[in-house]
Amino acid sequence: MKVSGCIIQKRQIIDHTENLFNANYKGKRIYISTDHGFGKPQYDHLKRFLIDVVDIKTGMYDVQTYQDLHTVRDAIIYALKGAMLVS
């Protein structure tokens, strides 16, 4: 899967649906989901995504937030930028 210039190998992708993404990339665990307790998005045409990026070795969060975006692909790009994996 190629997103924003990053190639995430299929074997590293655990889940990938329109509402969930869970994968490992460059020593980070990227978890994105619409199943959370943060309420509804501000606008009806968006989805509210929980976005977590955790360093696998240390367990520290690089990104821990929620964001209103159009698609899970947009949320992946947001997570990659937040973790400084892309510019």
Protein backbone atom coordinates (compact mmCIF):
# COMPACT_ATOMS: atom_id res chain seq x y z
CA MET A 1 0.00 0.00 0.00
CA LYS A 2 1.47 3.34 -1.03
CA VAL A 3 0.37 6.42 0.89
CA SER A 4 1.99 9.85 0.61
CA GLY A 5 5.22 8.35 -0.74
CA CYS A 6 5.42 5.67 2.00
CA ILE A 7 5.14 2.02 1.08
CA ILE A 8 3.51 -0.04 3.83
CA GLN A 9 4.02 -3.74 3.10
CA LYS A 10 0.90 -5.94 2.99
CA ARG A 11 2.38 -8.31 5.56
CA GLN A 12 2.66 -5.39 8.03
CA ILE A 13 -1.00 -4.41 7.64
CA ILE A 14 -3.11 -6.15 10.29
CA ASP A 15 -6.50 -4.53 9.48
CA HIS A 16 -7.58 -2.19 6.69
CA THR A 17 -11.22 -1.22 6.18
CA GLU A 18 -13.00 2.08 5.63
CA ASN A 19 -13.33 2.50 9.42
CA LEU A 20 -10.18 0.79 10.73
CA PHE A 21 -6.48 0.72 9.95
CA ASN A 22 -3.90 -1.14 12.02
CA ALA A 23 -0.35 -1.61 10.75
CA ASN A 24 3.35 -1.49 11.59
CA TYR A 25 5.62 0.91 9.72
CA LYS A 26 9.24 1.83 10.50
CA GLY A 27 9.06 0.62 14.09
CA LYS A 28 5.74 2.34 14.77
CA ARG A 29 2.29 0.87 15.34
CA ILE A 30 -0.33 2.93 13.51
CA TYR A 31 -3.87 2.46 14.79
CA ILE A 32 -6.78 4.41 13.30
CA SER A 33 -10.43 3.74 14.09
CA THR A 34 -13.90 5.28 14.03
CA ASP A 35 -14.92 3.11 17.01
CA HIS A 36 -14.19 5.38 20.00
CA GLY A 37 -15.93 7.54 22.57
CA PHE A 38 -15.11 11.00 21.21
CA GLY A 39 -18.55 11.79 19.83
CA LYS A 40 -19.66 12.75 16.35
CA PRO A 41 -17.71 14.84 13.82
CA GLN A 42 -18.31 18.57 13.59
CA TYR A 43 -19.67 18.26 10.03
CA ASP A 44 -21.88 15.45 8.68
CA HIS A 45 -19.75 14.71 5.59
CA LEU A 46 -16.70 13.85 7.75
CA LYS A 47 -15.83 10.92 10.02
CA ARG A 48 -14.17 11.28 13.40
CA PHE A 49 -11.07 9.09 13.61
CA LEU A 50 -9.09 8.05 16.67
CA ILE A 51 -5.44 8.26 15.59
CA ASP A 52 -2.66 6.61 17.61
CA VAL A 53 0.95 6.10 16.56
CA VAL A 54 3.07 4.23 19.12
CA ASP A 55 6.79 3.44 19.04
CA ILE A 56 6.97 -0.36 19.28
CA LYS A 57 10.25 -0.46 21.28
CA THR A 58 9.51 2.21 23.88
CA GLY A 59 5.71 2.18 23.96
CA MET A 60 5.65 5.99 23.78
CA TYR A 61 2.99 7.78 21.74
CA ASP A 62 4.12 9.83 18.76
CA VAL A 63 0.50 10.75 17.97
CA GLN A 64 -2.50 10.35 20.27
CA THR A 65 -5.47 12.36 19.06
CA TYR A 66 -8.74 12.35 17.17
CA GLN A 67 -9.45 14.22 13.96
CA ASP A 68 -12.41 14.82 11.65
CA LEU A 69 -11.42 13.70 8.14
CA HIS A 70 -13.01 12.39 4.95
CA THR A 71 -11.44 8.92 4.64
CA VAL A 72 -9.18 6.49 6.47
CA ARG A 73 -6.52 7.32 3.85
CA ASP A 74 -6.60 10.96 5.00
CA ALA A 75 -6.24 9.75 8.58
CA ILE A 76 -3.21 7.62 7.64
CA ILE A 77 -1.56 10.65 6.02
CA TYR A 78 -2.35 12.70 9.14
CA ALA A 79 -0.78 10.00 11.35
CA LEU A 80 2.35 9.71 9.18
CA LYS A 81 2.86 13.49 9.23
CA GLY A 82 2.23 13.68 12.97
CA ALA A 83 4.82 10.97 13.66
CA MET A 84 7.25 12.77 11.29
CA LEU A 85 7.48 9.76 8.99
CA VAL A 86 6.74 12.03 5.98
CA SER A 87 7.09 15.76 5.46
